Amino acid sequence: MSSQEPTLWAVRKCCDFFGFNEADVEAVTGDRGAEQMRYLWETLGPQMYEEPFYLLRQEVWHAAEQQPDTLTEYFLQTVLPDEVVLDYGCGTGEVCRSRIGYGRVAFYDPSRLVRAYLAYKYAGIPDVEILGEDVHGFVAEGVDALVCTDVLEHVEQPLCLQQMLWDLLLPGGSMLVAFSLAFPHPGHLESAIRQFPKWRAWVFDHQVVGIGANYTVWLRK
């Protein structure tokens, strides 16, 4: 599979794995889908992230995006083929899909449901590894490149997670991180949003290579 394949490939994979149909896809599309996510959050709270419809919403949203984030794509292109990009809190894994076929990528998400879906989605594709609970063993000696996008706003202590990820990087390693506040959906915890100014201050105390849209920042250790 190459990055040039239609992004609807991911939507079809999600439908196949969970048994969704066209009506389900329509239900999570656009404003209607945003309202359904709000309903799921009000009903399930953080357990919404274990709901298959949430993953379908992510795949549909990515498929609707016309252009990839320029900074993210450039970041991935600078990672050498023999280096591993670790996508931490990867969700459906679409952020790093352009890396597949050009180098190694490891996906980690704390959700077992997500990991099972990713194992199906990327089955048989070379140089892709889906990490389980052994993620810290995988990175025990450090990693060269790390991606963490649209994750920090979903945790109560984003600075703690940010520092932990920074500690995983080898000297000279690079990290791409995004703290999304552009369209706060119900999953964005108020406590994390309140910490945003401190997160921003932390970022500019480090070596910033580039800044992109939606609070996407490229840092080098």
C-alpha atoms as a PDB file:
ATOM      1  CA  MET A   1       0.000   0.000   0.000  1.00  0.00           C
ATOM      2  CA  SER A   2       1.317   3.458  -0.847  1.00  0.00           C
ATOM      3  CA  SER A   3       0.416   6.879   0.510  1.00  0.00           C
ATOM      4  CA  GLN A   4      -1.091   7.674  -2.922  1.00  0.00           C
ATOM      5  CA  GLU A   5      -4.009   5.298  -2.500  1.00  0.00           C
ATOM      6  CA  PRO A   6      -7.358   6.983  -1.844  1.00  0.00           C
ATOM      7  CA  THR A   7      -7.928   7.784   1.806  1.00  0.00           C
ATOM      8  CA  LEU A   8     -11.273   5.985   1.532  1.00  0.00           C
ATOM      9  CA  TRP A   9      -9.172   2.814   1.874  1.00  0.00           C
ATOM     10  CA  ALA A  10      -9.108   3.433   5.623  1.00  0.00           C
ATOM     11  CA  VAL A  11     -12.866   3.965   5.790  1.00  0.00           C
ATOM     12  CA  ARG A  12     -13.439   0.655   3.990  1.00  0.00           C
ATOM     13  CA  LYS A  13     -11.042  -1.114   6.368  1.00  0.00           C
ATOM     14  CA  CYS A  14     -12.921   0.255   9.364  1.00  0.00           C
ATOM     15  CA  CYS A  15     -16.274  -0.799   7.921  1.00  0.00           C
ATOM     16  CA  ASP A  16     -14.978  -4.302   7.205  1.00  0.00           C
ATOM     17  CA  PHE A  17     -13.523  -4.761  10.699  1.00  0.00           C
ATOM     18  CA  PHE A  18     -16.536  -3.503  12.651  1.00  0.00           C
ATOM     19  CA  GLY A  19     -19.299  -4.471  10.216  1.00  0.00           C
ATOM     20  CA  PHE A  20     -20.371  -0.894   9.449  1.00  0.00           C
ATOM     21  CA  ASN A  21     -22.446   0.052   6.407  1.00  0.00           C
ATOM     22  CA  GLU A  22     -23.044   3.201   4.348  1.00  0.00           C
ATOM     23  CA  ALA A  23     -25.668   4.447   6.805  1.00  0.00           C
ATOM     24  CA  ASP A  24     -23.122   4.230   9.614  1.00  0.00           C
ATOM     25  CA  VAL A  25     -20.605   6.213   7.574  1.00  0.00           C
ATOM     26  CA  GLU A  26     -23.209   8.870   6.885  1.00  0.00           C
ATOM     27  CA  ALA A  27     -24.070   9.018  10.588  1.00  0.00           C
ATOM     28  CA  VAL A  28     -20.523  10.032  11.560  1.00  0.00           C
ATOM     29  CA  THR A  29     -19.965  12.455   8.681  1.00  0.00           C
ATOM     30  CA  GLY A  30     -19.886  16.244   8.982  1.00  0.00           C
ATOM     31  CA  ASP A  31     -21.973  18.131  11.539  1.00  0.00           C
ATOM     32  CA  ARG A  32     -24.235  15.144  12.058  1.00  0.00           C
ATOM     33  CA  GLY A  33     -21.244  13.074  13.079  1.00  0.00           C
ATOM     34  CA  ALA A  34     -20.000  15.797  15.420  1.00  0.00           C
ATOM     35  CA  GLU A  35     -23.351  15.770  17.196  1.00  0.00           C
ATOM     36  CA  GLN A  36     -23.205  12.007  17.522  1.00  0.00           C
ATOM     37  CA  MET A  37     -19.742  12.256  19.073  1.00  0.00           C
ATOM     38  CA  ARG A  38     -21.131  14.793  21.533  1.00  0.00           C
ATOM     39  CA  TYR A  39     -23.931  12.395  22.412  1.00  0.00           C
ATOM     40  CA  LEU A  40     -21.483   9.523  22.888  1.00  0.00           C
ATOM     41  CA  TRP A  41     -19.333  11.658  25.170  1.00  0.00           C
ATOM     42  CA  GLU A  42     -22.337  12.682  27.277  1.00  0.00           C
ATOM     43  CA  THR A  43     -23.409   9.037  27.455  1.00  0.00           C
ATOM     44  CA  LEU A  44     -20.086   7.242  27.832  1.00  0.00           C
ATOM     45  CA  GLY A  45     -17.584   9.852  28.988  1.00  0.00           C
ATOM     46  CA  PRO A  46     -13.946   8.768  28.412  1.00  0.00           C
ATOM     47  CA  GLN A  47     -15.191   5.318  27.413  1.00  0.00           C
ATOM     48  CA  MET A  48     -16.209   6.963  24.130  1.00  0.00           C
ATOM     49  CA  TYR A  49     -12.644   6.301  22.971  1.00  0.00           C
ATOM     50  CA  GLU A  50     -13.433   2.567  23.143  1.00  0.00           C
ATOM     51  CA  GLU A  51     -16.500   3.005  20.915  1.00  0.00           C
ATOM     52  CA  PRO A  52     -16.074   1.739  17.305  1.00  0.00           C
ATOM     53  CA  PHE A  53     -18.135   4.679  16.002  1.00  0.00           C
ATOM     54  CA  TYR A  54     -15.441   7.004  17.353  1.00  0.00           C
ATOM     55  CA  LEU A  55     -12.835   5.241  15.201  1.00  0.00           C
ATOM     56  CA  LEU A  56     -15.117   5.403  12.169  1.00  0.00           C
ATOM     57  CA  ARG A  57     -15.558   9.115  12.783  1.00  0.00           C
ATOM     58  CA  GLN A  58     -11.770   9.527  12.779  1.00  0.00           C
ATOM     59  CA  GLU A  59     -11.370   7.632   9.507  1.00  0.00           C
ATOM     60  CA  VAL A  60     -14.178   9.603   7.840  1.00  0.00           C
ATOM     61  CA  TRP A  61     -12.691  12.875   9.090  1.00  0.00           C
ATOM     62  CA  HIS A  62      -9.252  12.037   7.718  1.00  0.00           C
ATOM     63  CA  ALA A  63     -10.770  11.002   4.388  1.00  0.00           C
ATOM     64  CA  ALA A  64     -12.491  14.388   4.150  1.00  0.00           C
ATOM     65  CA  GLU A  65      -9.231  16.276   4.598  1.00  0.00           C
ATOM     66  CA  GLN A  66      -8.080  17.629   1.239  1.00  0.00           C
ATOM     67  CA  GLN A  67      -4.402  18.221   2.051  1.00  0.00           C
ATOM     68  CA  PRO A  68      -2.092  16.686   4.666  1.00  0.00           C
ATOM     69  CA  ASP A  69      -0.496  19.001   7.182  1.00  0.00           C
ATOM     70  CA  THR A  70       2.638  20.354   5.471  1.00  0.00           C
ATOM     71  CA  LEU A  71       4.797  20.428   8.595  1.00  0.00           C
ATOM     72  CA  THR A  72       3.843  16.862   9.501  1.00  0.00           C
ATOM     73  CA  GLU A  73       4.654  15.567   6.031  1.00  0.00           C
ATOM     74  CA  TYR A  74       8.004  17.360   5.966  1.00  0.00           C
ATOM     75  CA  PHE A  75       8.853  16.026   9.419  1.00  0.00           C
ATOM     76  CA  LEU A  76       8.173  12.447   8.297  1.00  0.00           C
ATOM     77  CA  GLN A  77      10.287  12.917   5.176  1.00  0.00           C
ATOM     78  CA  THR A  78      13.317  13.893   7.249  1.00  0.00           C
ATOM     79  CA  VAL A  79      13.319  10.638   9.223  1.00  0.00           C
ATOM     80  CA  LEU A  80      15.794   8.157   7.733  1.00  0.00           C
ATOM     81  CA  PRO A  81      14.435   4.839   6.390  1.00  0.00           C
ATOM     82  CA  ASP A  82      16.302   2.795   9.019  1.00  0.00           C
ATOM     83  CA  GLU A  83      14.930   4.926  11.868  1.00  0.00           C
ATOM     84  CA  VAL A  84      11.603   4.180  13.502  1.00  0.00           C
ATOM     85  CA  VAL A  85       8.864   6.768  13.836  1.00  0.00           C
ATOM     86  CA  LEU A  86       6.857   6.084  16.990  1.00  0.00           C
ATOM     87  CA  ASP A  87       3.298   7.425  16.759  1.00  0.00           C
ATOM     88  CA  TYR A  88       2.233   7.666  20.409  1.00  0.00           C
ATOM     89  CA  GLY A  89      -1.510   7.782  20.989  1.00  0.00           C
ATOM     90  CA  CYS A  90      -1.935   7.064  17.298  1.00  0.00           C
ATOM     91  CA  GLY A  91      -5.693   6.499  17.064  1.00  0.00           C
ATOM     92  CA  THR A  92      -6.384   5.182  13.575  1.00  0.00           C
ATOM     93  CA  GLY A  93      -2.758   5.707  12.512  1.00  0.00           C
ATOM     94  CA  GLU A  94      -3.575   7.994   9.599  1.00  0.00           C
ATOM     95  CA  VAL A  95      -1.160  10.766  10.624  1.00  0.00           C
ATOM     96  CA  CYS A  96       1.873   8.602   9.821  1.00  0.00           C
ATOM     97  CA  ARG A  97       0.435   6.586   6.930  1.00  0.00           C
ATOM     98  CA  SER A  98       2.578   8.404   4.361  1.00  0.00           C
ATOM     99  CA  ARG A  99       5.605   6.926   6.153  1.00  0.00           C
ATOM    100  CA  ILE A 100       4.465   3.395   5.288  1.00  0.00           C
ATOM    101  CA  GLY A 101       6.354   2.082   2.318  1.00  0.00           C
ATOM    102  CA  TYR A 102       9.217   4.545   2.839  1.00  0.00           C
ATOM    103  CA  GLY A 103      10.447   3.591   6.307  1.00  0.00           C
ATOM    104  CA  ARG A 104       9.620   1.948   9.598  1.00  0.00           C
ATOM    105  CA  VAL A 105       6.738   3.059  11.804  1.00  0.00           C
ATOM    106  CA  ALA A 106       5.500   1.829  15.169  1.00  0.00           C
ATOM    107  CA  PHE A 107       1.987   2.617  16.375  1.00  0.00           C
ATOM    108  CA  TYR A 108       0.924   2.765  20.006  1.00  0.00           C
ATOM    109  CA  ASP A 109      -2.451   3.560  21.510  1.00  0.00           C
ATOM    110  CA  PRO A 110      -3.569   2.774  25.063  1.00  0.00           C
ATOM    111  CA  SER A 111      -6.871   1.358  23.780  1.00  0.00           C
ATOM    112  CA  ARG A 112      -6.936  -2.390  23.161  1.00  0.00           C
ATOM    113  CA  LEU A 113      -9.775  -1.863  20.695  1.00  0.00           C
ATOM    114  CA  VAL A 114      -7.648   0.552  18.694  1.00  0.00           C
ATOM    115  CA  ARG A 115      -4.684  -1.817  18.696  1.00  0.00           C
ATOM    116  CA  ALA A 116      -6.853  -4.714  17.483  1.00  0.00           C
ATOM    117  CA  TYR A 117      -8.223  -2.546  14.689  1.00  0.00           C
ATOM    118  CA  LEU A 118      -4.745  -1.369  13.660  1.00  0.00           C
ATOM    119  CA  ALA A 119      -3.491  -4.961  13.569  1.00  0.00           C
ATOM    120  CA  TYR A 120      -6.255  -5.689  11.047  1.00  0.00           C
ATOM    121  CA  LYS A 121      -5.853  -2.456   9.123  1.00  0.00           C
ATOM    122  CA  TYR A 122      -2.101  -2.837   8.549  1.00  0.00           C
ATOM    123  CA  ALA A 123      -1.875  -6.638   8.477  1.00  0.00           C
ATOM    124  CA  GLY A 124       0.738  -7.877   6.019  1.00  0.00           C
ATOM    125  CA  ILE A 125       2.242  -4.441   5.404  1.00  0.00           C
ATOM    126  CA  PRO A 126       6.046  -4.470   5.889  1.00  0.00           C
ATOM    127  CA  ASP A 127       7.856  -2.254   8.396  1.00  0.00           C
ATOM    128  CA  VAL A 128       4.730  -1.600  10.478  1.00  0.00           C
ATOM    129  CA  GLU A 129       4.618  -2.620  14.129  1.00  0.00           C
ATOM    130  CA  ILE A 130       1.608  -2.344  16.442  1.00  0.00           C
ATOM    131  CA  LEU A 131       2.851  -2.028  20.007  1.00  0.00           C
ATOM    132  CA  GLY A 132       0.994  -3.441  22.963  1.00  0.00           C
ATOM    133  CA  GLU A 133       1.538  -2.820  26.655  1.00  0.00           C
ATOM    134  CA  ASP A 134       5.251  -3.438  26.067  1.00  0.00           C
ATOM    135  CA  VAL A 135       5.627   0.024  24.530  1.00  0.00           C
ATOM    136  CA  HIS A 136       8.059   1.167  27.214  1.00  0.00           C
ATOM    137  CA  GLY A 137      10.233  -1.877  26.611  1.00  0.00           C
ATOM    138  CA  PHE A 138      10.244  -1.003  22.916  1.00  0.00           C
ATOM    139  CA  VAL A 139      11.551   2.485  23.656  1.00  0.00           C
ATOM    140  CA  ALA A 140      13.755   1.568  26.625  1.00  0.00           C
ATOM    141  CA  GLU A 141      16.891   2.747  24.836  1.00  0.00           C
ATOM    142  CA  GLY A 142      15.229   5.785  23.264  1.00  0.00           C
ATOM    143  CA  VAL A 143      13.776   6.613  19.858  1.00  0.00           C
ATOM    144  CA  ASP A 144      14.945   8.836  17.004  1.00  0.00           C
ATOM    145  CA  ALA A 145      11.561  10.278  16.024  1.00  0.00           C
ATOM    146  CA  LEU A 146       8.235  10.557  17.804  1.00  0.00           C
ATOM    147  CA  VAL A 147       4.806  11.854  16.770  1.00  0.00           C
ATOM    148  CA  CYS A 148       2.064  12.767  19.229  1.00  0.00           C
ATOM    149  CA  THR A 149      -0.832  14.637  17.637  1.00  0.00           C
ATOM    150  CA  ASP A 150      -4.260  15.437  19.067  1.00  0.00           C
ATOM    151  CA  VAL A 151      -3.481  13.499  22.243  1.00  0.00           C
ATOM    152  CA  LEU A 152      -2.399  15.975  24.918  1.00  0.00           C
ATOM    153  CA  GLU A 153      -5.810  17.651  25.108  1.00  0.00           C
ATOM    154  CA  HIS A 154      -7.372  14.285  25.965  1.00  0.00           C
ATOM    155  CA  VAL A 155      -5.421  13.813  29.202  1.00  0.00           C
ATOM    156  CA  GLU A 156      -5.681  15.641  32.494  1.00  0.00           C
ATOM    157  CA  GLN A 157      -1.932  16.273  32.825  1.00  0.00           C
ATOM    158  CA  PRO A 158      -0.633  17.097  29.323  1.00  0.00           C
ATOM    159  CA  LEU A 159       2.643  18.518  30.598  1.00  0.00           C
ATOM    160  CA  CYS A 160       3.460  15.264  32.381  1.00  0.00           C
ATOM    161  CA  LEU A 161       2.845  13.301  29.185  1.00  0.00           C
ATOM    162  CA  GLN A 162       4.821  15.832  27.161  1.00  0.00           C
ATOM    163  CA  GLN A 163       7.849  15.493  29.460  1.00  0.00           C
ATOM    164  CA  MET A 164       7.614  11.705  29.445  1.00  0.00           C
ATOM    165  CA  LEU A 165       7.641  11.673  25.640  1.00  0.00           C
ATOM    166  CA  TRP A 166      10.571  14.082  25.588  1.00  0.00           C
ATOM    167  CA  ASP A 167      12.513  11.735  27.853  1.00  0.00           C
ATOM    168  CA  LEU A 168      11.991   8.915  25.322  1.00  0.00           C
ATOM    169  CA  LEU A 169      13.895  10.824  22.641  1.00  0.00           C
ATOM    170  CA  LEU A 170      17.559  10.173  21.989  1.00  0.00           C
ATOM    171  CA  PRO A 171      19.877  13.205  21.873  1.00  0.00           C
ATOM    172  CA  GLY A 172      19.411  14.784  18.451  1.00  0.00           C
ATOM    173  CA  GLY A 173      16.014  13.122  18.069  1.00  0.00           C
ATOM    174  CA  SER A 174      12.943  14.971  16.836  1.00  0.00           C
ATOM    175  CA  MET A 175       9.363  15.103  18.033  1.00  0.00           C
ATOM    176  CA  LEU A 176       6.229  16.413  16.354  1.00  0.00           C
ATOM    177  CA  VAL A 177       3.495  17.283  18.820  1.00  0.00           C
ATOM    178  CA  ALA A 178       0.121  18.968  18.438  1.00  0.00           C
ATOM    179  CA  PHE A 179      -2.177  20.383  21.104  1.00  0.00           C
ATOM    180  CA  SER A 180      -5.478  20.861  19.296  1.00  0.00           C
ATOM    181  CA  LEU A 181      -7.776  23.654  20.460  1.00  0.00           C
ATOM    182  CA  ALA A 182      -9.204  24.643  17.079  1.00  0.00           C
ATOM    183  CA  PHE A 183     -12.538  22.874  17.480  1.00  0.00           C
ATOM    184  CA  PRO A 184     -12.835  21.543  21.039  1.00  0.00           C
ATOM    185  CA  HIS A 185     -15.118  18.524  20.912  1.00  0.00           C
ATOM    186  CA  PRO A 186     -16.544  16.880  24.033  1.00  0.00           C
ATOM    187  CA  GLY A 187     -13.436  14.735  24.462  1.00  0.00           C
ATOM    188  CA  HIS A 188     -11.267  17.752  25.157  1.00  0.00           C
ATOM    189  CA  LEU A 189     -10.957  17.967  28.909  1.00  0.00           C
ATOM    190  CA  GLU A 190     -11.266  21.422  30.393  1.00  0.00           C
ATOM    191  CA  SER A 191      -8.384  20.742  32.752  1.00  0.00           C
ATOM    192  CA  ALA A 192      -6.076  20.093  29.793  1.00  0.00           C
ATOM    193  CA  ILE A 193      -7.203  23.217  27.977  1.00  0.00           C
ATOM    194  CA  ARG A 194      -6.523  25.306  31.069  1.00  0.00           C
ATOM    195  CA  GLN A 195      -2.943  24.006  31.036  1.00  0.00           C
ATOM    196  CA  PHE A 196      -2.390  25.107  27.439  1.00  0.00           C
ATOM    197  CA  PRO A 197      -0.461  28.313  28.350  1.00  0.00           C
ATOM    198  CA  LYS A 198       1.977  26.287  30.454  1.00  0.00           C
ATOM    199  CA  TRP A 199       2.358  23.764  27.633  1.00  0.00           C
ATOM    200  CA  ARG A 200       3.113  26.577  25.200  1.00  0.00           C
ATOM    201  CA  ALA A 201       5.745  28.023  27.580  1.00  0.00           C
ATOM    202  CA  TRP A 202       7.349  24.569  27.890  1.00  0.00           C
ATOM    203  CA  VAL A 203       7.576  24.291  24.096  1.00  0.00           C
ATOM    204  CA  PHE A 204       9.413  27.561  23.680  1.00  0.00           C
ATOM    205  CA  ASP A 205      11.921  26.593  26.351  1.00  0.00           C
ATOM    206  CA  HIS A 206      13.093  23.886  23.919  1.00  0.00           C
ATOM    207  CA  GLN A 207      14.587  23.846  20.448  1.00  0.00           C
ATOM    208  CA  VAL A 208      11.746  24.589  18.025  1.00  0.00           C
ATOM    209  CA  VAL A 209      12.407  23.600  14.409  1.00  0.00           C
ATOM    210  CA  GLY A 210       9.039  24.617  12.993  1.00  0.00           C
ATOM    211  CA  ILE A 211       5.485  25.591  13.869  1.00  0.00           C
ATOM    212  CA  GLY A 212       2.430  24.605  11.815  1.00  0.00           C
ATOM    213  CA  ALA A 213      -1.313  24.985  11.922  1.00  0.00           C
ATOM    214  CA  ASN A 214      -3.428  23.892  14.869  1.00  0.00           C
ATOM    215  CA  TYR A 215      -0.571  24.206  17.409  1.00  0.00           C
ATOM    216  CA  THR A 216       1.610  21.663  15.613  1.00  0.00           C
ATOM    217  CA  VAL A 217       5.216  22.016  16.761  1.00  0.00           C
ATOM    218  CA  TRP A 218       8.424  20.312  15.606  1.00  0.00           C
ATOM    219  CA  LEU A 219      11.019  20.037  18.378  1.00  0.00           C
ATOM    220  CA  ARG A 220      14.579  18.729  18.323  1.00  0.00           C
ATOM    221  CA  LYS A 221      16.359  17.437  21.402  1.00  0.00           C
END
